[in-house]
N, C-alpha and C. Protein backbone atom coordinates (compact mmCIF):
# COMPACT_ATOMS: atom_id res chain seq x y z
N UNK A 1 119.77 -34.65 -78.32
CA UNK A 1 118.93 -35.29 -77.29
C UNK A 1 118.87 -36.77 -77.56
N UNK A 2 118.88 -37.52 -76.54
CA UNK A 2 118.78 -38.99 -76.69
C UNK A 2 117.32 -39.42 -76.54
N UNK A 3 116.74 -39.68 -77.67
CA UNK A 3 115.29 -39.98 -77.67
C UNK A 3 114.92 -41.30 -76.98
N UNK A 4 115.81 -42.27 -77.07
CA UNK A 4 115.52 -43.56 -76.42
C UNK A 4 115.46 -43.43 -74.96
N UNK A 5 116.35 -42.63 -74.37
CA UNK A 5 116.33 -42.38 -72.87
C UNK A 5 115.12 -41.66 -72.52
N UNK A 6 114.68 -40.66 -73.33
CA UNK A 6 113.47 -39.93 -73.02
C UNK A 6 112.22 -40.84 -73.04
N UNK A 7 112.20 -41.77 -73.97
CA UNK A 7 111.08 -42.67 -74.07
C UNK A 7 111.11 -43.70 -72.87
N UNK A 8 112.30 -44.03 -72.44
CA UNK A 8 112.44 -44.94 -71.29
C UNK A 8 111.94 -44.32 -70.02
N UNK A 9 112.30 -43.05 -69.83
CA UNK A 9 111.83 -42.34 -68.65
C UNK A 9 110.34 -42.15 -68.68
N UNK A 10 109.85 -41.76 -69.86
CA UNK A 10 108.36 -41.55 -70.03
C UNK A 10 107.63 -42.85 -69.82
N UNK A 11 108.12 -43.97 -70.33
CA UNK A 11 107.49 -45.27 -70.08
C UNK A 11 107.47 -45.70 -68.65
N UNK A 12 108.58 -45.46 -67.97
CA UNK A 12 108.75 -45.84 -66.55
C UNK A 12 107.78 -45.00 -65.72
N UNK A 13 107.67 -43.67 -66.03
CA UNK A 13 106.74 -42.79 -65.34
C UNK A 13 105.29 -43.26 -65.55
N UNK A 14 104.94 -43.56 -66.78
CA UNK A 14 103.53 -44.02 -67.03
C UNK A 14 103.25 -45.32 -66.29
N UNK A 15 104.14 -46.30 -66.23
CA UNK A 15 103.98 -47.51 -65.54
C UNK A 15 103.80 -47.31 -64.08
N UNK A 16 104.68 -46.47 -63.46
CA UNK A 16 104.65 -46.17 -62.06
C UNK A 16 103.34 -45.45 -61.66
N UNK A 17 102.92 -44.49 -62.47
CA UNK A 17 101.69 -43.77 -62.19
C UNK A 17 100.50 -44.67 -62.26
N UNK A 18 100.39 -45.53 -63.26
CA UNK A 18 99.30 -46.45 -63.40
C UNK A 18 99.27 -47.42 -62.26
N UNK A 19 100.42 -47.92 -61.84
CA UNK A 19 100.54 -48.90 -60.74
C UNK A 19 100.06 -48.26 -59.42
N UNK A 20 100.42 -47.02 -59.18
CA UNK A 20 99.98 -46.39 -57.92
C UNK A 20 98.49 -46.12 -57.94
N UNK A 21 97.97 -45.66 -59.08
CA UNK A 21 96.52 -45.45 -59.15
C UNK A 21 95.76 -46.69 -59.03
N UNK A 22 96.16 -47.76 -59.67
CA UNK A 22 95.45 -49.08 -59.57
C UNK A 22 95.49 -49.62 -58.13
N UNK A 23 96.70 -49.52 -57.49
CA UNK A 23 96.73 -49.97 -56.05
C UNK A 23 95.81 -49.17 -55.17
N UNK A 24 95.77 -47.90 -55.39
CA UNK A 24 94.94 -47.03 -54.48
C UNK A 24 93.46 -47.36 -54.76
N UNK A 25 93.09 -47.44 -56.05
CA UNK A 25 91.71 -47.75 -56.39
C UNK A 25 91.29 -49.14 -55.80
N UNK A 26 92.17 -50.09 -55.91
CA UNK A 26 91.89 -51.46 -55.37
C UNK A 26 91.71 -51.36 -53.88
N UNK A 27 92.52 -50.59 -53.20
CA UNK A 27 92.46 -50.42 -51.78
C UNK A 27 91.01 -49.79 -51.39
N UNK A 28 90.70 -48.76 -52.12
CA UNK A 28 89.36 -48.14 -51.84
C UNK A 28 88.23 -49.11 -52.03
N UNK A 29 88.32 -49.88 -53.17
CA UNK A 29 87.29 -50.83 -53.49
C UNK A 29 87.20 -51.94 -52.44
N UNK A 30 88.38 -52.44 -51.98
CA UNK A 30 88.31 -53.48 -50.94
C UNK A 30 87.84 -52.94 -49.59
N UNK A 31 88.12 -51.66 -49.30
CA UNK A 31 87.57 -51.09 -48.09
C UNK A 31 86.05 -51.00 -48.15
N UNK A 32 85.54 -50.62 -49.32
CA UNK A 32 84.12 -50.54 -49.49
C UNK A 32 83.42 -51.91 -49.39
N UNK A 33 84.07 -52.92 -50.00
CA UNK A 33 83.54 -54.21 -49.93
C UNK A 33 83.56 -54.80 -48.47
N UNK A 34 84.61 -54.48 -47.73
CA UNK A 34 84.79 -54.99 -46.35
C UNK A 34 83.74 -54.35 -45.47
N UNK A 35 83.25 -53.14 -45.84
CA UNK A 35 82.21 -52.47 -45.06
C UNK A 35 80.81 -53.02 -45.21
N UNK A 36 80.66 -53.87 -46.24
CA UNK A 36 79.32 -54.50 -46.50
C UNK A 36 79.05 -55.55 -45.40
N UNK A 37 77.90 -55.56 -44.84
CA UNK A 37 77.57 -56.49 -43.73
C UNK A 37 77.40 -57.93 -44.24
N UNK A 38 77.15 -58.15 -45.54
CA UNK A 38 76.91 -59.49 -46.01
C UNK A 38 78.11 -60.29 -46.45
N UNK A 39 79.29 -59.65 -46.31
CA UNK A 39 80.51 -60.29 -46.73
C UNK A 39 80.96 -61.41 -45.76
N UNK A 40 81.51 -62.47 -46.32
CA UNK A 40 81.94 -63.63 -45.47
C UNK A 40 83.21 -63.28 -44.67
N UNK A 41 84.18 -62.61 -45.24
CA UNK A 41 85.46 -62.36 -44.52
C UNK A 41 85.89 -60.92 -44.71
N UNK A 42 85.24 -60.02 -43.98
CA UNK A 42 85.59 -58.58 -44.15
C UNK A 42 87.01 -58.27 -43.59
N UNK A 43 87.49 -59.08 -42.66
CA UNK A 43 88.77 -58.81 -42.15
C UNK A 43 89.88 -59.04 -43.13
N UNK A 44 89.75 -60.09 -43.89
CA UNK A 44 90.75 -60.35 -44.95
C UNK A 44 90.77 -59.26 -46.02
N UNK A 45 89.59 -58.85 -46.45
CA UNK A 45 89.46 -57.79 -47.45
C UNK A 45 90.02 -56.45 -46.89
N UNK A 46 89.81 -56.21 -45.63
CA UNK A 46 90.25 -54.95 -45.06
C UNK A 46 91.81 -55.00 -44.98
N UNK A 47 92.33 -56.21 -44.62
CA UNK A 47 93.80 -56.34 -44.56
C UNK A 47 94.44 -56.14 -45.91
N UNK A 48 93.82 -56.70 -47.00
CA UNK A 48 94.34 -56.53 -48.36
C UNK A 48 94.26 -55.04 -48.75
N UNK A 49 93.24 -54.33 -48.33
CA UNK A 49 93.09 -52.93 -48.65
C UNK A 49 94.23 -52.14 -48.02
N UNK A 50 94.53 -52.50 -46.73
CA UNK A 50 95.63 -51.80 -46.03
C UNK A 50 97.01 -52.08 -46.66
N UNK A 51 97.19 -53.33 -47.18
CA UNK A 51 98.42 -53.67 -47.91
C UNK A 51 98.50 -52.84 -49.16
N UNK A 52 97.38 -52.69 -49.84
CA UNK A 52 97.43 -51.85 -51.09
C UNK A 52 97.74 -50.40 -50.78
N UNK A 53 97.21 -49.86 -49.69
CA UNK A 53 97.50 -48.53 -49.28
C UNK A 53 99.00 -48.39 -48.89
N UNK A 54 99.46 -49.42 -48.19
CA UNK A 54 100.87 -49.40 -47.77
C UNK A 54 101.85 -49.42 -49.00
N UNK A 55 101.51 -50.25 -49.96
CA UNK A 55 102.31 -50.28 -51.18
C UNK A 55 102.31 -48.98 -51.92
N UNK A 56 101.21 -48.26 -51.90
CA UNK A 56 101.13 -46.91 -52.46
C UNK A 56 102.05 -45.99 -51.80
N UNK A 57 102.03 -46.04 -50.49
CA UNK A 57 102.94 -45.22 -49.63
C UNK A 57 104.37 -45.50 -49.92
N UNK A 58 104.73 -46.80 -50.07
CA UNK A 58 106.11 -47.18 -50.34
C UNK A 58 106.50 -46.64 -51.73
N UNK A 59 105.60 -46.74 -52.69
CA UNK A 59 105.92 -46.28 -54.03
C UNK A 59 106.10 -44.76 -54.03
N UNK A 60 105.32 -44.03 -53.28
CA UNK A 60 105.48 -42.56 -53.22
C UNK A 60 106.78 -42.18 -52.53
N UNK A 61 107.08 -42.87 -51.42
CA UNK A 61 108.38 -42.60 -50.73
C UNK A 61 109.58 -42.95 -51.64
N UNK A 62 109.53 -43.99 -52.35
CA UNK A 62 110.58 -44.38 -53.24
C UNK A 62 110.73 -43.33 -54.35
N UNK A 63 109.63 -42.78 -54.85
CA UNK A 63 109.73 -41.73 -55.85
C UNK A 63 110.35 -40.44 -55.24
N UNK A 64 110.06 -40.18 -54.03
CA UNK A 64 110.67 -38.99 -53.38
C UNK A 64 112.14 -39.23 -53.18
N UNK A 65 112.51 -40.44 -52.81
CA UNK A 65 113.91 -40.82 -52.65
C UNK A 65 114.69 -40.60 -53.94
N UNK A 66 114.07 -40.94 -55.07
CA UNK A 66 114.74 -40.77 -56.34
C UNK A 66 114.81 -39.31 -56.79
N UNK A 67 113.80 -38.48 -56.39
CA UNK A 67 113.80 -37.12 -56.81
C UNK A 67 114.69 -36.20 -56.00
N UNK A 68 114.68 -36.39 -54.71
CA UNK A 68 115.36 -35.40 -53.78
C UNK A 68 116.86 -35.82 -53.80
N UNK A 69 117.68 -34.86 -54.22
CA UNK A 69 119.17 -35.14 -54.35
C UNK A 69 119.80 -35.38 -53.05
N UNK A 70 119.27 -34.90 -51.93
CA UNK A 70 119.92 -35.06 -50.62
C UNK A 70 120.11 -36.57 -50.25
N UNK A 71 119.11 -37.36 -50.63
CA UNK A 71 119.08 -38.76 -50.28
C UNK A 71 120.05 -39.63 -51.13
N UNK A 72 120.40 -39.15 -52.30
CA UNK A 72 121.23 -39.97 -53.14
C UNK A 72 122.72 -39.65 -53.03
N UNK A 73 123.11 -38.95 -52.01
CA UNK A 73 124.53 -38.64 -51.78
C UNK A 73 125.26 -39.86 -51.24
């Protein structure tokens, strides 16, 4: 078994999972902040939240693209 390749895949998986979780959490937090009536610019925060959710979706779709063999033909 090639241990360096296994560690590379494990590290890439860990980084990707942490990135998706952080983006989703940031999106939820920005949505909650934008819902507060005392905020100066709720539109900008809501737009950033939607961008975070969109990046999460792109990351998930890219992961599916890498996993499903039909797409890599």
